[in-house]
C-alpha atoms as a PDB file:
ATOM      1  CA  MET A   1     -67.907  10.963 -18.764  1.00  0.00           C
ATOM      2  CA  LYS A   2     -69.202   8.492 -16.448  1.00  0.00           C
ATOM      3  CA  ARG A   3     -68.065   9.050 -12.780  1.00  0.00           C
ATOM      4  CA  ILE A   4     -66.503   6.107 -10.909  1.00  0.00           C
ATOM      5  CA  ARG A   5     -68.656   5.194  -7.409  1.00  0.00           C
ATOM      6  CA  LEU A   6     -66.851   3.790  -4.978  1.00  0.00           C
ATOM      7  CA  SER A   7     -68.529   1.156  -2.236  1.00  0.00           C
ATOM      8  CA  GLY A   8     -68.268   1.735   1.059  1.00  0.00           C
ATOM      9  CA  VAL A   9     -65.864  -0.732   1.676  1.00  0.00           C
ATOM     10  CA  ALA A  10     -63.266   0.674  -1.234  1.00  0.00           C
ATOM     11  CA  ARG A  11     -63.600   4.137   0.039  1.00  0.00           C
ATOM     12  CA  TRP A  12     -62.559   2.834   3.515  1.00  0.00           C
ATOM     13  CA  ILE A  13     -59.617   1.068   2.013  1.00  0.00           C
ATOM     14  CA  VAL A  14     -58.766   4.142   0.182  1.00  0.00           C
ATOM     15  CA  ILE A  15     -58.683   6.391   3.468  1.00  0.00           C
ATOM     16  CA  VAL A  16     -57.045   3.658   5.214  1.00  0.00           C
ATOM     17  CA  ALA A  17     -53.988   4.436   2.803  1.00  0.00           C
ATOM     18  CA  ILE A  18     -53.890   7.994   2.677  1.00  0.00           C
ATOM     19  CA  VAL A  19     -53.806   7.632   6.802  1.00  0.00           C
ATOM     20  CA  VAL A  20     -50.762   5.272   6.440  1.00  0.00           C
ATOM     21  CA  ALA A  21     -48.781   7.337   3.642  1.00  0.00           C
ATOM     22  CA  ILE A  22     -49.350  10.531   5.929  1.00  0.00           C
ATOM     23  CA  ALA A  23     -48.013   8.798   8.852  1.00  0.00           C
ATOM     24  CA  THR A  24     -44.782   7.383   6.776  1.00  0.00           C
ATOM     25  CA  ALA A  25     -44.404  10.649   5.676  1.00  0.00           C
ATOM     26  CA  GLY A  26     -44.497  11.964   8.905  1.00  0.00           C
ATOM     27  CA  TRP A  27     -42.036   9.566  10.292  1.00  0.00           C
ATOM     28  CA  LEU A  28     -39.613   9.607   8.024  1.00  0.00           C
ATOM     29  CA  TRP A  29     -39.388  13.296   8.382  1.00  0.00           C
ATOM     30  CA  MET A  30     -38.930  12.491  11.915  1.00  0.00           C
ATOM     31  CA  GLN A  31     -36.277  10.387  11.244  1.00  0.00           C
ATOM     32  CA  ARG A  32     -34.696  13.186   9.261  1.00  0.00           C
ATOM     33  CA  GLY A  33     -35.212  15.877  11.575  1.00  0.00           C
ATOM     34  CA  ASP A  34     -33.344  17.795  14.218  1.00  0.00           C
ATOM     35  CA  ARG A  35     -30.506  15.544  15.757  1.00  0.00           C
ATOM     36  CA  SER A  36     -27.805  18.390  16.875  1.00  0.00           C
ATOM     37  CA  ASP A  37     -28.514  17.543  20.088  1.00  0.00           C
ATOM     38  CA  GLU A  38     -27.572  13.812  19.930  1.00  0.00           C
ATOM     39  CA  ALA A  39     -23.478  12.491  20.118  1.00  0.00           C
ATOM     40  CA  LEU A  40     -22.438  11.055  16.685  1.00  0.00           C
ATOM     41  CA  ARG A  41     -20.688   7.805  16.764  1.00  0.00           C
ATOM     42  CA  LEU A  42     -18.839   6.603  13.174  1.00  0.00           C
ATOM     43  CA  TYR A  43     -16.492   3.663  12.309  1.00  0.00           C
ATOM     44  CA  GLY A  44     -13.652   3.222  10.434  1.00  0.00           C
ATOM     45  CA  ASN A  45      -9.960   1.971   9.797  1.00  0.00           C
ATOM     46  CA  VAL A  46      -6.705   3.157  10.761  1.00  0.00           C
ATOM     47  CA  ASP A  47      -4.413   4.287   7.144  1.00  0.00           C
ATOM     48  CA  ILE A  48      -1.202   4.690   7.342  1.00  0.00           C
ATOM     49  CA  ARG A  49       0.902   5.714   4.663  1.00  0.00           C
ATOM     50  CA  GLU A  50       3.667   3.507   3.017  1.00  0.00           C
ATOM     51  CA  VAL A  51       6.464   4.176   0.582  1.00  0.00           C
ATOM     52  CA  GLN A  52       8.482   1.587  -1.506  1.00  0.00           C
ATOM     53  CA  LEU A  53      11.884   2.746  -1.387  1.00  0.00           C
ATOM     54  CA  ALA A  54      13.647   2.295  -4.623  1.00  0.00           C
ATOM     55  CA  PHE A  55      17.236   3.512  -6.456  1.00  0.00           C
ATOM     56  CA  ARG A  56      17.040   5.788  -9.237  1.00  0.00           C
ATOM     57  CA  GLN A  57      20.052   3.859 -10.802  1.00  0.00           C
ATOM     58  CA  SER A  58      20.530   0.531 -11.896  1.00  0.00           C
ATOM     59  CA  GLY A  59      22.934  -1.768 -10.829  1.00  0.00           C
ATOM     60  CA  ARG A  60      24.285  -4.329  -8.061  1.00  0.00           C
ATOM     61  CA  VAL A  61      22.642  -4.720  -4.654  1.00  0.00           C
ATOM     62  CA  ALA A  62      25.986  -4.147  -2.748  1.00  0.00           C
ATOM     63  CA  GLN A  63      24.644  -3.986   1.111  1.00  0.00           C
ATOM     64  CA  MET A  64      20.951  -4.050   3.082  1.00  0.00           C
ATOM     65  CA  HIS A  65      21.495  -2.574   6.057  1.00  0.00           C
ATOM     66  CA  PHE A  66      17.692  -3.211   7.614  1.00  0.00           C
ATOM     67  CA  ASP A  67      15.584  -6.213   7.597  1.00  0.00           C
ATOM     68  CA  GLU A  68      11.291  -6.561   8.515  1.00  0.00           C
ATOM     69  CA  GLY A  69      10.638  -4.989  11.512  1.00  0.00           C
ATOM     70  CA  ASP A  70      13.367  -2.693  11.973  1.00  0.00           C
ATOM     71  CA  HIS A  71      12.574   1.040  13.035  1.00  0.00           C
ATOM     72  CA  VAL A  72      14.399   3.570  10.754  1.00  0.00           C
ATOM     73  CA  GLU A  73      14.812   7.391  10.870  1.00  0.00           C
ATOM     74  CA  THR A  74      15.315  10.179   8.435  1.00  0.00           C
ATOM     75  CA  GLY A  75      18.149  10.001   6.441  1.00  0.00           C
ATOM     76  CA  ALA A  76      19.263   6.126   7.397  1.00  0.00           C
ATOM     77  CA  HIS A  77      21.354   4.517   5.322  1.00  0.00           C
ATOM     78  CA  MET A  78      19.267   1.635   4.100  1.00  0.00           C
ATOM     79  CA  ALA A  79      21.008   0.032   1.105  1.00  0.00           C
ATOM     80  CA  THR A  80      23.977   0.243  -1.176  1.00  0.00           C
ATOM     81  CA  LEU A  81      24.932  -0.320  -5.003  1.00  0.00           C
ATOM     82  CA  ASP A  82      27.972  -1.067  -6.265  1.00  0.00           C
ATOM     83  CA  ALA A  83      29.368   2.590  -6.888  1.00  0.00           C
ATOM     84  CA  GLN A  84      32.438   1.297  -8.674  1.00  0.00           C
ATOM     85  CA  PRO A  85      31.589   2.106 -12.231  1.00  0.00           C
ATOM     86  CA  TYR A  86      29.478   5.383 -11.155  1.00  0.00           C
ATOM     87  CA  ARG A  87      32.943   6.632  -9.897  1.00  0.00           C
ATOM     88  CA  GLU A  88      34.475   5.587 -12.917  1.00  0.00           C
ATOM     89  CA  ALA A  89      31.808   7.619 -14.887  1.00  0.00           C
ATOM     90  CA  LEU A  90      32.262  10.636 -12.715  1.00  0.00           C
ATOM     91  CA  ALA A  91      36.420  10.702 -12.966  1.00  0.00           C
ATOM     92  CA  ALA A  92      35.788  10.617 -16.269  1.00  0.00           C
ATOM     93  CA  ALA A  93      33.152  13.745 -16.359  1.00  0.00           C
ATOM     94  CA  ASP A  94      35.961  15.454 -14.175  1.00  0.00           C
ATOM     95  CA  ALA A  95      38.564  15.173 -16.794  1.00  0.00           C
ATOM     96  CA  ALA A  96      35.966  16.038 -19.614  1.00  0.00           C
ATOM     97  CA  VAL A  97      35.475  19.519 -17.460  1.00  0.00           C
ATOM     98  CA  ALA A  98      39.112  19.731 -16.839  1.00  0.00           C
ATOM     99  CA  VAL A  99      39.575  19.546 -20.832  1.00  0.00           C
ATOM    100  CA  ALA A 100      36.910  22.325 -21.282  1.00  0.00           C
ATOM    101  CA  GLN A 101      38.135  24.820 -18.631  1.00  0.00           C
ATOM    102  CA  ALA A 102      41.586  24.588 -20.023  1.00  0.00           C
ATOM    103  CA  ASP A 103      39.889  25.604 -23.375  1.00  0.00           C
ATOM    104  CA  VAL A 104      38.406  28.839 -22.125  1.00  0.00           C
ATOM    105  CA  ASP A 105      41.278  29.983 -20.043  1.00  0.00           C
ATOM    106  CA  LYS A 106      42.825  29.929 -23.693  1.00  0.00           C
ATOM    107  CA  LEU A 107      40.657  31.263 -25.177  1.00  0.00           C
ATOM    108  CA  HIS A 108      40.684  34.209 -22.716  1.00  0.00           C
ATOM    109  CA  ARG A 109      44.455  34.940 -22.274  1.00  0.00           C
ATOM    110  CA  GLY A 110      45.160  34.469 -26.341  1.00  0.00           C
ATOM    111  CA  LEU A 111      48.243  34.054 -27.858  1.00  0.00           C
ATOM    112  CA  ARG A 112      51.238  33.107 -26.261  1.00  0.00           C
ATOM    113  CA  PRO A 113      54.087  36.432 -26.691  1.00  0.00           C
ATOM    114  CA  GLN A 114      55.962  34.127 -28.243  1.00  0.00           C
ATOM    115  CA  GLU A 115      53.509  33.257 -30.853  1.00  0.00           C
ATOM    116  CA  ILE A 116      52.455  37.072 -31.272  1.00  0.00           C
ATOM    117  CA  ALA A 117      56.104  37.529 -31.676  1.00  0.00           C
ATOM    118  CA  GLN A 118      56.406  35.177 -34.576  1.00  0.00           C
ATOM    119  CA  THR A 119      53.307  36.888 -36.723  1.00  0.00           C
ATOM    120  CA  ARG A 120      54.943  40.314 -36.278  1.00  0.00           C
ATOM    121  CA  GLU A 121      58.551  38.804 -38.038  1.00  0.00           C
ATOM    122  CA  ALA A 122      56.799  36.921 -40.502  1.00  0.00           C
ATOM    123  CA  LEU A 123      54.549  40.782 -41.347  1.00  0.00           C
ATOM    124  CA  ASN A 124      58.360  41.897 -41.278  1.00  0.00           C
ATOM    125  CA  GLN A 125      59.628  39.296 -43.876  1.00  0.00           C
ATOM    126  CA  ALA A 126      56.510  39.695 -45.977  1.00  0.00           C
ATOM    127  CA  LEU A 127      56.849  43.773 -45.966  1.00  0.00           C
ATOM    128  CA  VAL A 128      60.884  43.323 -46.829  1.00  0.00           C
ATOM    129  CA  GLY A 129      59.585  41.053 -49.685  1.00  0.00           C
ATOM    130  CA  VAL A 130      56.819  44.017 -51.027  1.00  0.00           C
ATOM    131  CA  ARG A 131      60.018  46.553 -51.422  1.00  0.00           C
ATOM    132  CA  GLU A 132      62.312  44.545 -52.969  1.00  0.00           C
ATOM    133  CA  THR A 133      59.519  43.384 -55.739  1.00  0.00           C
ATOM    134  CA  GLN A 134      58.318  46.691 -55.964  1.00  0.00           C
ATOM    135  CA  ARG A 135      62.099  48.029 -56.795  1.00  0.00           C
ATOM    136  CA  ASN A 136      62.622  45.044 -59.237  1.00  0.00           C
ATOM    137  CA  PHE A 137      59.259  45.996 -60.986  1.00  0.00           C
ATOM    138  CA  ASP A 138      60.922  49.803 -60.773  1.00  0.00           C
ATOM    139  CA  ARG A 139      64.160  48.283 -62.441  1.00  0.00           C
ATOM    140  CA  GLN A 140      62.309  46.456 -65.411  1.00  0.00           C
ATOM    141  CA  SER A 141      60.112  49.089 -66.272  1.00  0.00           C
ATOM    142  CA  GLN A 142      63.124  51.426 -66.823  1.00  0.00           C
ATOM    143  CA  LEU A 143      64.638  48.906 -68.772  1.00  0.00           C
ATOM    144  CA  LEU A 144      61.662  48.147 -70.982  1.00  0.00           C
ATOM    145  CA  ALA A 145      61.926  51.784 -72.141  1.00  0.00           C
ATOM    146  CA  SER A 146      65.615  51.565 -73.215  1.00  0.00           C
ATOM    147  CA  GLY A 147      64.529  48.415 -74.910  1.00  0.00           C
ATOM    148  CA  ALA A 148      67.139  46.404 -72.573  1.00  0.00           C
ATOM    149  CA  ALA A 149      64.019  44.399 -71.256  1.00  0.00           C
ATOM    150  CA  SER A 150      61.399  42.565 -72.665  1.00  0.00           C
ATOM    151  CA  GLN A 151      57.504  42.908 -71.888  1.00  0.00           C
ATOM    152  CA  LYS A 152      57.608  39.317 -70.941  1.00  0.00           C
ATOM    153  CA  THR A 153      59.953  40.233 -67.776  1.00  0.00           C
ATOM    154  CA  VAL A 154      58.429  43.256 -66.742  1.00  0.00           C
ATOM    155  CA  ASP A 155      54.747  41.550 -66.778  1.00  0.00           C
ATOM    156  CA  ALA A 156      56.851  38.778 -64.378  1.00  0.00           C
ATOM    157  CA  ALA A 157      57.993  41.482 -62.365  1.00  0.00           C
ATOM    158  CA  ARG A 158      54.390  42.989 -62.012  1.00  0.00           C
ATOM    159  CA  ALA A 159      53.192  39.623 -60.953  1.00  0.00           C
ATOM    160  CA  ALA A 160      55.747  38.956 -58.435  1.00  0.00           C
ATOM    161  CA  ARG A 161      55.084  42.359 -56.984  1.00  0.00           C
ATOM    162  CA  ASP A 162      51.278  42.152 -56.492  1.00  0.00           C
ATOM    163  CA  GLN A 163      51.862  38.606 -54.802  1.00  0.00           C
ATOM    164  CA  ALA A 164      54.279  39.896 -52.606  1.00  0.00           C
ATOM    165  CA  ALA A 165      51.809  42.443 -51.507  1.00  0.00           C
ATOM    166  CA  ALA A 166      49.024  39.641 -51.029  1.00  0.00           C
ATOM    167  CA  GLY A 167      51.198  37.715 -48.921  1.00  0.00           C
ATOM    168  CA  ALA A 168      52.120  41.180 -46.896  1.00  0.00           C
ATOM    169  CA  SER A 169      48.192  41.589 -46.443  1.00  0.00           C
ATOM    170  CA  ALA A 170      47.795  38.056 -45.004  1.00  0.00           C
ATOM    171  CA  ALA A 171      50.471  38.361 -42.629  1.00  0.00           C
ATOM    172  CA  ARG A 172      48.839  42.024 -41.382  1.00  0.00           C
ATOM    173  CA  ALA A 173      45.645  40.601 -40.886  1.00  0.00           C
ATOM    174  CA  ALA A 174      47.418  37.081 -38.853  1.00  0.00           C
ATOM    175  CA  HIS A 175      49.358  39.414 -36.731  1.00  0.00           C
ATOM    176  CA  SER A 176      46.525  41.417 -35.944  1.00  0.00           C
ATOM    177  CA  GLN A 177      44.436  38.865 -34.941  1.00  0.00           C
ATOM    178  CA  ALA A 178      47.135  37.377 -32.901  1.00  0.00           C
ATOM    179  CA  ALA A 179      47.700  40.770 -30.985  1.00  0.00           C
ATOM    180  CA  GLU A 180      43.545  41.151 -30.646  1.00  0.00           C
ATOM    181  CA  GLY A 181      43.253  37.617 -29.125  1.00  0.00           C
ATOM    182  CA  PHE A 182      40.078  35.176 -30.267  1.00  0.00           C
ATOM    183  CA  ARG A 183      36.823  36.425 -31.244  1.00  0.00           C
ATOM    184  CA  LYS A 184      33.986  36.889 -28.738  1.00  0.00           C
ATOM    185  CA  GLU A 185      31.731  33.991 -30.937  1.00  0.00           C
ATOM    186  CA  ASP A 186      35.093  31.371 -30.228  1.00  0.00           C
ATOM    187  CA  VAL A 187      34.833  32.755 -26.334  1.00  0.00           C
ATOM    188  CA  ALA A 188      31.152  32.136 -25.970  1.00  0.00           C
ATOM    189  CA  ALA A 189      31.187  28.688 -27.812  1.00  0.00           C
ATOM    190  CA  GLY A 190      34.378  27.630 -25.317  1.00  0.00           C
ATOM    191  CA  GLN A 191      31.990  28.609 -22.443  1.00  0.00           C
ATOM    192  CA  ALA A 192      29.061  26.694 -23.761  1.00  0.00           C
ATOM    193  CA  ARG A 193      31.580  23.722 -24.227  1.00  0.00           C
ATOM    194  CA  LEU A 194      32.720  23.895 -20.648  1.00  0.00           C
ATOM    195  CA  ALA A 195      28.834  24.602 -19.099  1.00  0.00           C
ATOM    196  CA  ALA A 196      28.154  21.061 -20.830  1.00  0.00           C
ATOM    197  CA  ALA A 197      30.999  19.367 -19.276  1.00  0.00           C
ATOM    198  CA  GLN A 198      29.892  20.682 -15.568  1.00  0.00           C
ATOM    199  CA  ALA A 199      26.484  19.787 -16.105  1.00  0.00           C
ATOM    200  CA  ALA A 200      27.428  16.069 -17.164  1.00  0.00           C
ATOM    201  CA  ARG A 201      29.742  15.867 -14.202  1.00  0.00           C
ATOM    202  CA  ALA A 202      26.789  17.114 -11.995  1.00  0.00           C
ATOM    203  CA  GLN A 203      24.685  14.316 -13.738  1.00  0.00           C
ATOM    204  CA  ALA A 204      27.597  11.837 -12.738  1.00  0.00           C
ATOM    205  CA  ALA A 205      27.894  13.082  -9.407  1.00  0.00           C
ATOM    206  CA  THR A 206      24.391  12.516  -8.981  1.00  0.00           C
ATOM    207  CA  ALA A 207      24.627   9.112 -10.078  1.00  0.00           C
ATOM    208  CA  LEU A 208      26.974   8.168  -7.831  1.00  0.00           C
ATOM    209  CA  ALA A 209      25.026   9.463  -4.562  1.00  0.00           C
ATOM    210  CA  ASP A 210      22.032   8.001  -5.915  1.00  0.00           C
ATOM    211  CA  THR A 211      23.649   4.537  -5.094  1.00  0.00           C
ATOM    212  CA  VAL A 212      23.271   4.852  -1.600  1.00  0.00           C
ATOM    213  CA  LEU A 213      19.274   4.837  -0.650  1.00  0.00           C
ATOM    214  CA  LEU A 214      18.218   6.956   2.110  1.00  0.00           C
ATOM    215  CA  ALA A 215      15.105   6.284   4.354  1.00  0.00           C
ATOM    216  CA  PRO A 216      12.879   9.659   3.858  1.00  0.00           C
ATOM    217  CA  ARG A 217      11.075   9.772   7.353  1.00  0.00           C
ATOM    218  CA  PRO A 218      10.753   7.632  10.233  1.00  0.00           C
ATOM    219  CA  GLY A 219       9.250   4.773   9.962  1.00  0.00           C
ATOM    220  CA  THR A 220       8.955   0.633   9.936  1.00  0.00           C
ATOM    221  CA  VAL A 221      10.233  -1.706   7.723  1.00  0.00           C
ATOM    222  CA  ILE A 222       7.528  -3.932   6.756  1.00  0.00           C
ATOM    223  CA  ALA A 223       8.998  -5.846   3.654  1.00  0.00           C
ATOM    224  CA  ARG A 224      12.888  -6.622   2.627  1.00  0.00           C
ATOM    225  CA  VAL A 225      12.306  -7.001  -1.241  1.00  0.00           C
ATOM    226  CA  ARG A 226      15.971  -7.902  -2.164  1.00  0.00           C
ATOM    227  CA  GLU A 227      19.112  -9.188  -1.175  1.00  0.00           C
ATOM    228  CA  PRO A 228      22.242  -8.159  -1.780  1.00  0.00           C
ATOM    229  CA  GLY A 229      23.600  -9.387  -5.362  1.00  0.00           C
ATOM    230  CA  SER A 230      20.749  -8.806  -6.750  1.00  0.00           C
ATOM    231  CA  MET A 231      20.805  -6.842 -10.429  1.00  0.00           C
ATOM    232  CA  VAL A 232      18.138  -4.030 -10.139  1.00  0.00           C
ATOM    233  CA  ILE A 233      17.029  -1.228 -12.553  1.00  0.00           C
ATOM    234  CA  SER A 234      15.759   2.065 -11.486  1.00  0.00           C
ATOM    235  CA  GLN A 235      12.362   2.356  -9.810  1.00  0.00           C
ATOM    236  CA  THR A 236      12.879  -1.611  -8.438  1.00  0.00           C
ATOM    237  CA  PRO A 237      11.393  -1.605  -4.832  1.00  0.00           C
ATOM    238  CA  ILE A 238      13.957  -2.545  -2.676  1.00  0.00           C
ATOM    239  CA  TYR A 239      11.943  -2.107   1.006  1.00  0.00           C
ATOM    240  CA  ASN A 240       8.292  -1.153   1.856  1.00  0.00           C
ATOM    241  CA  VAL A 241       8.124   1.092   5.028  1.00  0.00           C
ATOM    242  CA  SER A 242       5.710   2.016   6.907  1.00  0.00           C
ATOM    243  CA  LEU A 243       5.881   5.610   7.927  1.00  0.00           C
ATOM    244  CA  ASN A 244       5.274   6.307  11.599  1.00  0.00           C
ATOM    245  CA  ALA A 245       3.296   9.819  11.058  1.00  0.00           C
ATOM    246  CA  PRO A 246       0.818  11.030   9.944  1.00  0.00           C
ATOM    247  CA  VAL A 247      -1.905   8.355  11.102  1.00  0.00           C
ATOM    248  CA  TYR A 248      -5.444   8.740   9.668  1.00  0.00           C
ATOM    249  CA  VAL A 249      -8.360   7.326  10.164  1.00  0.00           C
ATOM    250  CA  ARG A 250     -10.544   6.403   7.368  1.00  0.00           C
ATOM    251  CA  ALA A 251     -14.179   6.535   8.386  1.00  0.00           C
ATOM    252  CA  TYR A 252     -17.580   7.017   6.774  1.00  0.00           C
ATOM    253  CA  ILE A 253     -20.800   8.925   7.290  1.00  0.00           C
ATOM    254  CA  GLY A 254     -24.191   8.786   6.162  1.00  0.00           C
ATOM    255  CA  GLU A 255     -26.228  11.534   3.814  1.00  0.00           C
ATOM    256  CA  LEU A 256     -28.131  12.462   7.052  1.00  0.00           C
ATOM    257  CA  ASP A 257     -25.555  13.203   9.554  1.00  0.00           C
ATOM    258  CA  LEU A 258     -23.470  15.085   6.828  1.00  0.00           C
ATOM    259  CA  GLY A 259     -24.193  18.332   7.866  1.00  0.00           C
ATOM    260  CA  ARG A 260     -23.414  17.327  12.005  1.00  0.00           C
ATOM    261  CA  ILE A 261     -19.847  17.450  10.895  1.00  0.00           C
ATOM    262  CA  ALA A 262     -16.959  20.178   9.517  1.00  0.00           C
ATOM    263  CA  PRO A 263     -13.390  20.363   8.895  1.00  0.00           C
ATOM    264  CA  GLY A 264     -11.463  20.680  12.180  1.00  0.00           C
ATOM    265  CA  MET A 265     -13.918  19.154  14.631  1.00  0.00           C
ATOM    266  CA  ARG A 266     -12.202  17.252  17.349  1.00  0.00           C
ATOM    267  CA  VAL A 267     -12.970  13.722  17.815  1.00  0.00           C
ATOM    268  CA  ARG A 268     -12.391  10.810  20.199  1.00  0.00           C
ATOM    269  CA  VAL A 269     -10.868   7.502  18.518  1.00  0.00           C
ATOM    270  CA  ARG A 270     -10.781   4.032  20.485  1.00  0.00           C
ATOM    271  CA  SER A 271      -9.821   0.798  19.032  1.00  0.00           C
ATOM    272  CA  ASP A 272     -10.811  -2.960  20.533  1.00  0.00           C
ATOM    273  CA  SER A 273      -7.347  -3.861  21.120  1.00  0.00           C
ATOM    274  CA  SER A 274      -6.919  -1.110  24.445  1.00  0.00           C
ATOM    275  CA  ASP A 275      -8.485   1.397  26.366  1.00  0.00           C
ATOM    276  CA  LYS A 276      -6.958   4.185  25.284  1.00  0.00           C
ATOM    277  CA  VAL A 277      -8.756   6.955  23.695  1.00  0.00           C
ATOM    278  CA  TYR A 278      -6.162   8.972  20.822  1.00  0.00           C
ATOM    279  CA  GLN A 279      -7.202  12.616  19.727  1.00  0.00           C
ATOM    280  CA  GLY A 280      -8.016  13.348  16.378  1.00  0.00           C
ATOM    281  CA  GLN A 281      -9.397  15.907  14.069  1.00  0.00           C
ATOM    282  CA  ILE A 282     -11.152  15.722  11.000  1.00  0.00           C
ATOM    283  CA  GLY A 283      -9.192  17.098   8.350  1.00  0.00           C
ATOM    284  CA  PHE A 284     -11.050  16.318   5.098  1.00  0.00           C
ATOM    285  CA  ILE A 285     -14.905  15.499   4.020  1.00  0.00           C
ATOM    286  CA  SER A 286     -15.173  13.792   0.305  1.00  0.00           C
ATOM    287  CA  PRO A 287     -17.393  15.366  -1.861  1.00  0.00           C
ATOM    288  CA  ARG A 288     -18.111  12.722  -3.574  1.00  0.00           C
ATOM    289  CA  ALA A 289     -20.843  10.411  -2.171  1.00  0.00           C
ATOM    290  CA  GLU A 290     -20.230   6.322  -2.551  1.00  0.00           C
ATOM    291  CA  PHE A 291     -21.386   2.971  -1.525  1.00  0.00           C
ATOM    292  CA  THR A 292     -20.119   1.655   1.673  1.00  0.00           C
ATOM    293  CA  PRO A 293     -17.730  -0.339   1.791  1.00  0.00           C
ATOM    294  CA  LYS A 294     -17.964  -3.544   2.925  1.00  0.00           C
ATOM    295  CA  THR A 295     -15.061  -3.597   5.226  1.00  0.00           C
ATOM    296  CA  VAL A 296     -17.174  -0.573   7.166  1.00  0.00           C
ATOM    297  CA  GLU A 297     -19.523  -1.119   9.591  1.00  0.00           C
ATOM    298  CA  THR A 298     -22.377   1.031  10.341  1.00  0.00           C
ATOM    299  CA  THR A 299     -26.133   0.873  11.200  1.00  0.00           C
ATOM    300  CA  ASP A 300     -27.572   2.081   8.063  1.00  0.00           C
ATOM    301  CA  LEU A 301     -27.745  -0.776   5.315  1.00  0.00           C
ATOM    302  CA  ARG A 302     -24.599  -1.087   3.265  1.00  0.00           C
ATOM    303  CA  THR A 303     -26.276   0.299   0.112  1.00  0.00           C
ATOM    304  CA  ASP A 304     -26.801   3.576   1.630  1.00  0.00           C
ATOM    305  CA  LEU A 305     -25.037   6.188  -0.200  1.00  0.00           C
ATOM    306  CA  VAL A 306     -22.293   7.494   2.160  1.00  0.00           C
ATOM    307  CA  TYR A 307     -19.263  10.131   2.606  1.00  0.00           C
ATOM    308  CA  ARG A 308     -15.719   9.438   3.041  1.00  0.00           C
ATOM    309  CA  LEU A 309     -13.698  11.232   5.872  1.00  0.00           C
ATOM    310  CA  ARG A 310     -10.435  11.285   7.082  1.00  0.00           C
ATOM    311  CA  ILE A 311      -9.297  11.884  10.474  1.00  0.00           C
ATOM    312  CA  VAL A 312      -5.901  13.063  11.698  1.00  0.00           C
ATOM    313  CA  VAL A 313      -4.787  11.239  14.834  1.00  0.00           C
ATOM    314  CA  THR A 314      -2.386  13.629  16.743  1.00  0.00           C
ATOM    315  CA  ASN A 315      -1.264  11.595  19.406  1.00  0.00           C
ATOM    316  CA  ALA A 316      -1.299   8.226  17.688  1.00  0.00           C
ATOM    317  CA  ASP A 317       1.659   5.366  18.830  1.00  0.00           C
ATOM    318  CA  ALA A 318       2.645   1.973  17.721  1.00  0.00           C
ATOM    319  CA  ALA A 319      -0.696   0.631  19.038  1.00  0.00           C
ATOM    320  CA  LEU A 320      -2.709   1.510  15.910  1.00  0.00           C
ATOM    321  CA  ARG A 321      -1.643  -0.593  12.992  1.00  0.00           C
ATOM    322  CA  GLN A 322      -2.465  -0.595   9.395  1.00  0.00           C
ATOM    323  CA  GLY A 323      -6.114  -1.672   8.636  1.00  0.00           C
ATOM    324  CA  MET A 324      -7.177  -1.717  12.205  1.00  0.00           C
ATOM    325  CA  PRO A 325     -11.091  -0.902  12.958  1.00  0.00           C
ATOM    326  CA  VAL A 326     -11.820   1.702  15.176  1.00  0.00           C
ATOM    327  CA  THR A 327     -14.535   4.217  16.386  1.00  0.00           C
ATOM    328  CA  ILE A 328     -14.970   7.742  16.892  1.00  0.00           C
ATOM    329  CA  ASP A 329     -16.988   9.791  19.050  1.00  0.00           C
ATOM    330  CA  VAL A 330     -17.912  13.225  18.305  1.00  0.00           C
ATOM    331  CA  ASP A 331     -18.987  15.479  20.834  1.00  0.00           C
ATOM    332  CA  ALA A 332     -22.579  16.491  20.870  1.00  0.00           C
ATOM    333  CA  GLY A 333     -21.438  19.982  21.481  1.00  0.00           C
ATOM    334  CA  GLN A 334     -19.049  20.200  18.506  1.00  0.00           C
ATOM    335  CA  VAL A 335     -22.217  18.367  16.614  1.00  0.00           C
ATOM    336  CA  SER A 336     -25.282  21.046  17.724  1.00  0.00           C
ATOM    337  CA  SER A 337     -22.430  24.147  16.444  1.00  0.00           C
ATOM    338  CA  ALA A 338     -21.571  22.304  13.247  1.00  0.00           C
ATOM    339  CA  HIS A 339     -25.271  21.815  12.640  1.00  0.00           C
ATOM    340  CA  THR A 340     -26.277  25.633  13.752  1.00  0.00           C
ATOM    341  CA  LYS A 341     -23.536  26.668  11.358  1.00  0.00           C
ATOM    342  CA  GLY A 342     -24.800  24.744   8.416  1.00  0.00           C
ATOM    343  CA  ARG A 343     -28.067  26.427   8.642  1.00  0.00           C
END
């Protein structure tokens, strides 16, 4: 194999390229070096939770009690539906429960004494019929032996006796059933019907209660979507409410600084609109990298991968508004502590 010989100029070019590469690598290593003694500054935006309030039932909006900008407290009556159809449904459910309860009570008490007495009398009458038909059969049998009665007459007397005996057995069973009361299975079925009626009544009561829209938490009305008289279906937004708390800050941190922070670290939050310094705490660090959003300002290139943070502002007030850009400062002491724990 031939060896490639470089000229003097070419050798110098190769040497210079190697030196530049080593210098560049050293500079990059210094850039990634230990910066734990430096304070950390991040940038982000205020993130306030919002809720869309809606009825769980359909109907006609009867009243709207708040407008945009109004402050509401927990449990405030925001709006109401026309409740007349739901009151009528509840009344029908109450009647169904009353009927089912009466049936269960009857099953538990059994038949009335008069009804039991009637079955007893029916049994006695059947027994009298059995005795009479038995005597007639015996008489006809004697007459048959002497030739005074035909076989046909005896057979008819026997059939009448057997029929009377069967009627007496049926009367005895009816009297026993009346005296013992209803079967356990009948009582269980009646109780099940009562439970179903009570469940339907509870649903009707819940539907009636749902005609009143309540504020879930303190907040500020930012949109009034419907007006009285509007026909709405369930889950149709009626109000948009911005919650007063908690107030978060959504921020991003580059991969080089990721080891300098940890959940629970205290931070200071400032906005451009006032000099007030808010206190916050890092509550969440995303485990997934993403490209920096265009709305976030950092000193790195926008194509760099960053990690999302969620910072909880502990002393927020009305001056912090949705989407407001803020600056987040982390003390150098905390940065150093987090860096040490990460090693």
